[in-house]
Amino acid sequence: MSYVMGLLEWVYDRPLVAIVLIFIVVKKLKQYRAGPFPESGGRVETIGSTADWEAAVKEAEAKKGVFVVDFYATWCPPCRASAPIYGALSLKYACSFYKCDVDAAPDVARAAGISAMPTFKVYKGSHCTDTIQGFNQAAIVDAITRLGVDKLDDKALQDKKKTVEESKKAE
């Protein structure tokens, strides 16, 4: 009991030091528990600003192409779980795949009307055709195949993997 009383006296005498120590311990525990956000891998590109968003839309409009955007947050457990699976999808289908951290690019998330994470939006050109809240791989595949997106054949898949690996080595 005297140990506890001594500790309480120390905290009472040095409240600022105690608060700083508690803050540091809590911050370290959060970092340890969360760990780094898993990489999506594959052909997934990052949208980190409004300019990146506008470039992605402009490219899709020019190609009249389909693209999928994963709106996620680094603190969201379902987002963390879906990242590698989403990356694998990017290697299977012939459309563009993007990811957008809603905390890093809040203007993009606001413009897209994001209210839950993860949210996957499928676009044809600049028009949003499907919105999928929560991770549902089958729904994403269904949405892109309805828009006529083909699966990459094995040779195209190998070429894409090779290109991705070469670009990562170049970085």
Protein backbone atom coordinates (compact mmCIF):
# COMPACT_ATOMS: atom_id res chain seq x y z
CA MET A 1 0.00 0.00 0.00
CA SER A 2 2.87 2.37 0.76
CA TYR A 3 4.17 1.87 -2.81
CA VAL A 4 0.85 3.06 -4.25
CA MET A 5 0.80 6.04 -1.89
CA GLY A 6 4.35 6.95 -2.91
CA LEU A 7 3.38 6.76 -6.59
CA LEU A 8 0.32 8.93 -6.02
CA GLU A 9 2.44 11.51 -4.19
CA TRP A 10 4.94 11.54 -7.08
CA VAL A 11 2.10 12.10 -9.60
CA TYR A 12 0.58 14.80 -7.37
CA ASP A 13 3.93 16.60 -7.14
CA ARG A 14 4.65 16.32 -10.90
CA PRO A 15 1.31 16.35 -12.77
CA LEU A 16 2.74 17.67 -16.05
CA VAL A 17 5.41 14.96 -16.20
CA ALA A 18 2.80 12.30 -15.42
CA ILE A 19 0.50 13.55 -18.20
CA VAL A 20 3.35 13.59 -20.73
CA LEU A 21 4.38 10.05 -19.76
CA ILE A 22 0.81 8.79 -20.08
CA PHE A 23 0.48 10.47 -23.48
CA ILE A 24 3.71 8.85 -24.74
CA VAL A 25 2.71 5.40 -23.49
CA VAL A 26 -0.75 5.59 -25.07
CA LYS A 27 0.68 6.82 -28.38
CA LYS A 28 3.23 3.97 -28.48
CA LEU A 29 0.55 1.40 -27.67
CA LYS A 30 -1.64 2.67 -30.51
CA GLN A 31 1.28 2.49 -32.97
CA TYR A 32 2.18 -1.01 -31.84
CA ARG A 33 -1.38 -2.28 -32.09
CA ALA A 34 -2.19 -0.74 -35.46
CA GLY A 35 1.02 -1.53 -37.32
CA PRO A 36 1.62 -0.23 -40.83
CA PHE A 37 -1.22 -0.22 -43.34
CA PRO A 38 -0.88 -3.29 -45.59
CA GLU A 39 0.14 -2.66 -49.18
CA SER A 40 -2.50 -3.29 -51.81
CA GLY A 41 0.11 -4.39 -54.31
CA GLY A 42 -0.80 -5.27 -57.86
CA ARG A 43 -1.63 -2.38 -60.19
CA VAL A 44 -3.34 -0.20 -57.57
CA GLU A 45 -2.41 3.48 -57.80
CA THR A 46 -2.82 6.03 -55.03
CA ILE A 47 -4.99 9.13 -55.23
CA GLY A 48 -3.54 11.55 -52.71
CA SER A 49 -4.94 14.87 -53.86
CA THR A 50 -7.64 16.55 -55.89
CA ALA A 51 -5.16 16.84 -58.78
CA ASP A 52 -4.58 13.06 -58.73
CA TRP A 53 -8.35 12.54 -58.73
CA GLU A 54 -8.90 14.86 -61.67
CA ALA A 55 -6.09 13.15 -63.60
CA ALA A 56 -7.63 9.70 -63.01
CA VAL A 57 -11.06 10.90 -64.16
CA LYS A 58 -9.59 12.66 -67.20
CA GLU A 59 -7.69 9.52 -68.21
CA ALA A 60 -10.82 7.37 -67.85
CA GLU A 61 -12.88 9.84 -69.90
CA ALA A 62 -10.26 9.85 -72.66
CA LYS A 63 -10.19 6.05 -72.80
CA LYS A 64 -13.91 5.69 -72.08
CA GLY A 65 -12.62 3.25 -69.50
CA VAL A 66 -13.70 1.75 -66.24
CA PHE A 67 -11.94 2.37 -62.96
CA VAL A 68 -12.51 1.35 -59.36
CA VAL A 69 -11.62 3.44 -56.31
CA ASP A 70 -11.16 2.06 -52.80
CA PHE A 71 -11.91 4.85 -50.32
CA TYR A 72 -10.28 3.71 -47.08
CA ALA A 73 -8.88 4.89 -43.75
CA THR A 74 -5.68 3.58 -42.20
CA TRP A 75 -7.41 3.13 -38.82
CA CYS A 76 -10.25 1.01 -40.29
CA PRO A 77 -9.85 -2.78 -39.65
CA PRO A 78 -12.03 -3.87 -42.63
CA CYS A 79 -10.00 -1.54 -44.86
CA ARG A 80 -6.79 -3.16 -43.67
CA ALA A 81 -8.18 -6.64 -44.34
CA SER A 82 -9.43 -5.80 -47.84
CA ALA A 83 -6.25 -4.11 -49.13
CA PRO A 84 -4.35 -7.24 -50.31
CA ILE A 85 -7.47 -8.79 -51.86
CA TYR A 86 -8.19 -5.54 -53.73
CA GLY A 87 -4.59 -5.59 -55.00
CA ALA A 88 -5.06 -9.14 -56.26
CA LEU A 89 -8.23 -8.07 -58.12
CA SER A 90 -6.20 -5.41 -59.94
CA LEU A 91 -4.08 -8.17 -61.45
CA LYS A 92 -7.11 -10.10 -62.69
CA TYR A 93 -9.19 -7.44 -64.47
CA ALA A 94 -8.39 -5.06 -67.32
CA CYS A 95 -9.43 -1.76 -65.75
CA SER A 96 -7.73 0.82 -63.55
CA PHE A 97 -7.66 0.42 -59.77
CA TYR A 98 -7.07 3.27 -57.33
CA LYS A 99 -7.06 3.75 -53.59
CA CYS A 100 -7.77 6.99 -51.72
CA ASP A 101 -7.08 7.57 -48.01
CA VAL A 102 -10.05 9.65 -46.87
CA ASP A 103 -8.00 11.28 -44.10
CA ALA A 104 -5.18 12.29 -46.46
CA ALA A 105 -7.50 13.53 -49.24
CA PRO A 106 -10.70 14.71 -47.51
CA ASP A 107 -11.72 16.94 -50.44
CA VAL A 108 -11.79 13.94 -52.79
CA ALA A 109 -13.76 11.85 -50.28
CA ARG A 110 -16.24 14.69 -49.74
CA ALA A 111 -16.71 15.17 -53.50
CA ALA A 112 -17.32 11.44 -53.91
CA GLY A 113 -19.88 11.42 -51.10
CA ILE A 114 -18.03 8.95 -48.88
CA SER A 115 -19.71 8.34 -45.53
CA ALA A 116 -18.39 4.88 -44.55
CA MET A 117 -15.15 2.97 -44.93
CA PRO A 118 -14.31 1.06 -46.91
CA THR A 119 -16.37 2.26 -49.83
CA PHE A 120 -15.65 1.06 -53.34
CA LYS A 121 -16.90 3.15 -56.24
CA VAL A 122 -16.93 1.91 -59.83
CA TYR A 123 -16.77 4.53 -62.59
CA LYS A 124 -17.22 4.44 -66.32
CA GLY A 125 -15.58 7.60 -67.60
CA SER A 126 -16.50 10.22 -65.01
CA HIS A 127 -19.88 8.64 -64.15
CA CYS A 128 -20.19 6.55 -60.96
CA THR A 129 -22.09 3.38 -61.85
CA ASP A 130 -21.86 1.48 -58.55
CA THR A 131 -21.17 2.22 -54.90
CA ILE A 132 -20.32 -0.66 -52.58
CA GLN A 133 -20.06 0.12 -48.86
CA GLY A 134 -18.05 -2.46 -46.99
CA PHE A 135 -15.77 -4.95 -48.69
CA ASN A 136 -17.64 -7.34 -50.97
CA GLN A 137 -15.35 -8.87 -53.56
CA ALA A 138 -18.19 -10.50 -55.49
CA ALA A 139 -20.07 -7.19 -55.77
CA ILE A 140 -16.95 -5.42 -57.12
CA VAL A 141 -16.35 -8.16 -59.68
CA ASP A 142 -20.03 -8.11 -60.69
CA ALA A 143 -19.99 -4.32 -61.10
CA ILE A 144 -16.94 -4.27 -63.35
CA THR A 145 -17.94 -7.27 -65.44
CA ARG A 146 -21.39 -5.72 -66.07
CA LEU A 147 -19.52 -2.77 -67.60
CA GLY A 148 -17.71 -5.11 -70.00
CA VAL A 149 -14.35 -5.36 -68.26
CA ASP A 150 -12.55 -8.53 -69.29
CA LYS A 151 -10.31 -10.73 -67.22
CA LEU A 152 -6.64 -10.43 -68.03
CA ASP A 153 -5.38 -13.60 -69.70
CA ASP A 154 -2.32 -15.36 -68.29
CA LYS A 155 0.14 -13.71 -70.69
CA ALA A 156 -1.26 -10.24 -70.02
CA LEU A 157 -1.23 -11.00 -66.30
CA GLN A 158 2.45 -12.01 -66.44
CA ASP A 159 3.26 -8.84 -68.42
CA LYS A 160 1.43 -6.66 -65.88
CA LYS A 161 3.22 -8.34 -62.95
CA LYS A 162 6.56 -7.86 -64.70
CA THR A 163 5.81 -4.17 -65.34
CA VAL A 164 4.79 -3.65 -61.70
CA GLU A 165 7.95 -5.37 -60.44
CA GLU A 166 10.16 -3.32 -62.76
CA SER A 167 8.52 -0.05 -61.68
CA LYS A 168 9.02 -0.96 -57.99
CA LYS A 169 12.70 -1.73 -58.64
CA ALA A 170 13.10 1.61 -60.43
CA GLU A 171 11.79 3.45 -57.35
